[in-house]
């Protein structure tokens, strides 16, 4: 009985910390290395409100992680 109490004394805090880390971690396929390599902001390939890909991000993914040959669509003026 005493060994079970000792086990719980150190196992509970470790379990709570591990669960907290797992639940608070955000999964992401995007890598900061991509931004450094392309000298572009994350928002160049991802909309600001999600991790979905913009047309530039899809081009980057589909062309072996290169933006070579990508042409940005002309920006439309706001009215």
N, C-alpha and C. Protein backbone atom coordinates (compact mmCIF):
# COMPACT_ATOMS: atom_id res chain seq x y z
N UNK A 1 0.82 -1.19 0.00
CA UNK A 1 0.00 0.00 0.00
C UNK A 1 0.87 1.26 0.00
N UNK A 2 1.91 1.22 0.82
CA UNK A 2 2.78 2.38 0.93
C UNK A 2 3.50 2.66 -0.40
N UNK A 3 3.90 1.61 -1.11
CA UNK A 3 4.58 1.80 -2.39
C UNK A 3 3.62 2.39 -3.44
N UNK A 4 2.35 2.05 -3.35
CA UNK A 4 1.36 2.59 -4.27
C UNK A 4 1.19 4.09 -4.03
N UNK A 5 1.20 4.52 -2.78
CA UNK A 5 1.08 5.94 -2.45
C UNK A 5 2.30 6.69 -2.97
N UNK A 6 3.47 6.14 -2.80
CA UNK A 6 4.70 6.77 -3.30
C UNK A 6 4.66 6.87 -4.82
N UNK A 7 4.21 5.82 -5.46
CA UNK A 7 4.10 5.83 -6.93
C UNK A 7 3.17 6.95 -7.38
N UNK A 8 2.02 7.08 -6.74
CA UNK A 8 1.07 8.12 -7.11
C UNK A 8 1.60 9.52 -6.80
N UNK A 9 2.44 9.66 -5.78
CA UNK A 9 2.99 10.96 -5.43
C UNK A 9 3.86 11.53 -6.56
N UNK A 10 4.56 10.71 -7.29
CA UNK A 10 5.37 11.24 -8.38
C UNK A 10 4.73 11.00 -9.75
N UNK A 11 3.88 9.99 -9.86
CA UNK A 11 3.26 9.71 -11.15
C UNK A 11 2.16 10.70 -11.50
N UNK A 12 1.41 11.14 -10.54
CA UNK A 12 0.30 12.07 -10.81
C UNK A 12 0.79 13.41 -11.38
N UNK A 13 1.77 14.06 -10.76
CA UNK A 13 2.24 15.33 -11.35
C UNK A 13 2.82 15.14 -12.76
N UNK A 14 3.53 14.06 -12.97
CA UNK A 14 4.08 13.79 -14.30
C UNK A 14 2.96 13.56 -15.29
N UNK A 15 1.95 12.82 -14.90
CA UNK A 15 0.81 12.56 -15.78
C UNK A 15 0.05 13.83 -16.12
N UNK A 16 -0.14 14.70 -15.13
CA UNK A 16 -0.85 15.96 -15.36
C UNK A 16 -0.03 16.84 -16.31
N UNK A 17 1.26 16.94 -16.11
CA UNK A 17 2.12 17.73 -17.00
C UNK A 17 2.12 17.17 -18.42
N UNK A 18 2.23 15.86 -18.55
CA UNK A 18 2.23 15.25 -19.88
C UNK A 18 0.91 15.48 -20.59
N UNK A 19 -0.19 15.32 -19.88
CA UNK A 19 -1.51 15.55 -20.48
C UNK A 19 -1.66 17.00 -20.89
N UNK A 20 -1.21 17.91 -20.07
CA UNK A 20 -1.28 19.33 -20.40
C UNK A 20 -0.48 19.67 -21.63
N UNK A 21 0.70 19.10 -21.77
CA UNK A 21 1.53 19.35 -22.94
C UNK A 21 0.88 18.78 -24.20
N UNK A 22 0.32 17.61 -24.09
CA UNK A 22 -0.31 17.00 -25.26
C UNK A 22 -1.56 17.75 -25.69
N UNK A 23 -2.34 18.21 -24.73
CA UNK A 23 -3.57 18.91 -25.06
C UNK A 23 -3.34 20.33 -25.55
N UNK A 24 -2.26 20.96 -25.13
CA UNK A 24 -2.02 22.34 -25.52
C UNK A 24 -1.18 22.46 -26.79
N UNK A 25 -0.57 21.37 -27.22
CA UNK A 25 0.27 21.42 -28.41
C UNK A 25 -0.61 21.52 -29.65
N UNK A 26 -0.18 22.35 -30.58
CA UNK A 26 -0.91 22.48 -31.83
C UNK A 26 -0.14 21.75 -32.91
N UNK A 27 -0.83 20.91 -33.62
CA UNK A 27 -0.20 20.19 -34.71
C UNK A 27 -0.08 21.06 -35.93
N UNK A 28 1.00 20.93 -36.64
CA UNK A 28 1.20 21.75 -37.82
C UNK A 28 2.14 21.06 -38.77
N UNK A 29 1.80 21.13 -40.04
CA UNK A 29 2.69 20.60 -41.06
C UNK A 29 3.62 21.69 -41.57
N UNK A 30 3.26 22.93 -41.33
CA UNK A 30 4.09 24.03 -41.78
C UNK A 30 5.39 24.04 -40.98
N UNK A 31 6.44 24.40 -41.62
CA UNK A 31 7.73 24.41 -40.94
C UNK A 31 8.35 25.79 -41.07
N UNK A 32 8.86 26.34 -39.97
CA UNK A 32 9.52 27.65 -40.04
C UNK A 32 10.67 27.66 -41.05
N UNK A 33 11.25 26.50 -41.29
CA UNK A 33 12.34 26.40 -42.25
C UNK A 33 11.88 26.82 -43.64
N UNK A 34 10.62 26.51 -43.99
CA UNK A 34 10.09 26.90 -45.29
C UNK A 34 10.09 28.42 -45.42
N UNK A 35 9.69 29.11 -44.39
CA UNK A 35 9.64 30.58 -44.41
C UNK A 35 11.06 31.14 -44.53
N UNK A 36 12.00 30.57 -43.82
CA UNK A 36 13.38 31.04 -43.91
C UNK A 36 13.96 30.79 -45.30
N UNK A 37 13.67 29.62 -45.84
CA UNK A 37 14.22 29.25 -47.14
C UNK A 37 13.67 30.12 -48.28
N UNK A 38 12.40 30.51 -48.18
CA UNK A 38 11.77 31.27 -49.25
C UNK A 38 11.78 32.77 -49.00
N UNK A 39 12.19 33.20 -47.81
CA UNK A 39 12.14 34.61 -47.42
C UNK A 39 10.72 35.17 -47.54
N UNK A 40 9.74 34.36 -47.24
CA UNK A 40 8.33 34.77 -47.27
C UNK A 40 7.74 34.60 -45.88
N UNK A 41 6.71 35.39 -45.60
CA UNK A 41 5.95 35.24 -44.36
C UNK A 41 5.11 33.97 -44.43
N UNK A 42 4.72 33.43 -43.28
CA UNK A 42 3.83 32.26 -43.25
C UNK A 42 2.53 32.56 -43.98
N UNK A 43 2.08 33.82 -43.89
CA UNK A 43 0.81 34.19 -44.51
C UNK A 43 0.89 34.19 -46.04
N UNK A 44 2.06 34.05 -46.59
CA UNK A 44 2.18 33.95 -48.05
C UNK A 44 1.56 32.64 -48.53
N UNK A 45 1.72 31.58 -47.76
CA UNK A 45 1.20 30.26 -48.14
C UNK A 45 -0.04 29.86 -47.36
N UNK A 46 -0.29 30.53 -46.24
CA UNK A 46 -1.43 30.18 -45.39
C UNK A 46 -2.29 31.41 -45.13
N UNK A 47 -3.63 31.30 -45.26
CA UNK A 47 -4.49 32.42 -44.87
C UNK A 47 -4.31 32.69 -43.38
N UNK A 48 -4.55 33.92 -42.98
CA UNK A 48 -4.29 34.29 -41.58
C UNK A 48 -5.21 33.58 -40.59
N UNK A 49 -6.36 33.09 -41.04
CA UNK A 49 -7.30 32.49 -40.11
C UNK A 49 -7.32 30.96 -40.14
N UNK A 50 -6.40 30.34 -40.86
CA UNK A 50 -6.38 28.88 -40.87
C UNK A 50 -5.02 28.37 -41.36
N UNK A 51 -4.87 27.05 -41.32
CA UNK A 51 -3.65 26.43 -41.81
C UNK A 51 -3.85 25.85 -43.20
N UNK A 52 -4.97 26.18 -43.83
CA UNK A 52 -5.17 25.75 -45.21
C UNK A 52 -4.15 26.46 -46.08
N UNK A 53 -4.01 26.00 -47.31
CA UNK A 53 -3.02 26.59 -48.21
C UNK A 53 -3.65 27.58 -49.18
N UNK A 54 -2.92 28.64 -49.44
CA UNK A 54 -3.30 29.57 -50.50
C UNK A 54 -2.82 28.97 -51.82
N UNK A 55 -3.08 29.65 -52.91
CA UNK A 55 -2.58 29.17 -54.20
C UNK A 55 -1.06 29.06 -54.21
N UNK A 56 -0.40 30.01 -53.56
CA UNK A 56 1.06 29.96 -53.46
C UNK A 56 1.51 28.74 -52.67
N UNK A 57 0.82 28.43 -51.59
CA UNK A 57 1.17 27.26 -50.78
C UNK A 57 0.97 25.96 -51.53
N UNK A 58 -0.12 25.89 -52.30
CA UNK A 58 -0.36 24.69 -53.12
C UNK A 58 0.72 24.54 -54.19
N UNK A 59 1.12 25.65 -54.80
CA UNK A 59 2.18 25.63 -55.81
C UNK A 59 3.48 25.14 -55.16
N UNK A 60 3.80 25.68 -54.01
CA UNK A 60 5.02 25.30 -53.29
C UNK A 60 5.03 23.80 -52.98
N UNK A 61 3.91 23.29 -52.49
CA UNK A 61 3.80 21.86 -52.17
C UNK A 61 3.92 21.00 -53.43
N UNK A 62 3.24 21.40 -54.48
CA UNK A 62 3.18 20.59 -55.70
C UNK A 62 4.43 20.67 -56.56
N UNK A 63 5.30 21.64 -56.31
CA UNK A 63 6.52 21.80 -57.11
C UNK A 63 7.76 21.53 -56.28
N UNK A 64 7.70 20.45 -55.54
CA UNK A 64 8.83 19.96 -54.74
C UNK A 64 9.40 21.03 -53.82
N UNK A 65 8.51 21.74 -53.13
CA UNK A 65 8.86 22.74 -52.14
C UNK A 65 9.76 23.83 -52.72
N UNK A 66 9.31 24.33 -53.86
CA UNK A 66 10.01 25.44 -54.51
C UNK A 66 8.98 26.41 -55.07
N UNK A 67 9.29 27.69 -54.98
CA UNK A 67 8.43 28.72 -55.57
C UNK A 67 8.97 29.17 -56.93
N UNK A 68 10.00 28.48 -57.41
CA UNK A 68 10.58 28.85 -58.70
C UNK A 68 9.52 28.72 -59.79
N UNK A 69 9.29 29.81 -60.51
CA UNK A 69 8.30 29.83 -61.57
C UNK A 69 6.93 30.30 -61.13
N UNK A 70 6.73 30.50 -59.83
CA UNK A 70 5.43 30.95 -59.35
C UNK A 70 5.24 32.43 -59.65
N UNK A 71 4.10 32.77 -60.18
CA UNK A 71 3.76 34.16 -60.45
C UNK A 71 2.55 34.53 -59.61
N UNK A 72 2.73 35.56 -58.79
CA UNK A 72 1.62 36.03 -57.96
C UNK A 72 0.54 36.65 -58.85
N UNK A 73 -0.72 36.36 -58.54
CA UNK A 73 -1.77 37.02 -59.30
C UNK A 73 -1.75 38.53 -59.03
N UNK A 74 -2.14 39.34 -60.00
CA UNK A 74 -2.12 40.79 -59.77
C UNK A 74 -3.05 41.17 -58.62
N UNK A 75 -2.60 42.07 -57.80
CA UNK A 75 -3.41 42.50 -56.64
C UNK A 75 -4.53 43.41 -57.14
N UNK A 76 -5.71 43.16 -56.62
CA UNK A 76 -6.85 43.99 -56.98
C UNK A 76 -6.93 45.16 -56.03
N UNK A 77 -7.25 46.31 -56.58
CA UNK A 77 -7.37 47.50 -55.74
C UNK A 77 -8.66 47.44 -54.94
N UNK A 78 -8.57 47.88 -53.70
CA UNK A 78 -9.76 47.90 -52.84
C UNK A 78 -10.58 49.14 -53.18
N UNK A 79 -11.86 48.97 -53.20
CA UNK A 79 -12.75 50.09 -53.51
C UNK A 79 -13.32 50.70 -52.27
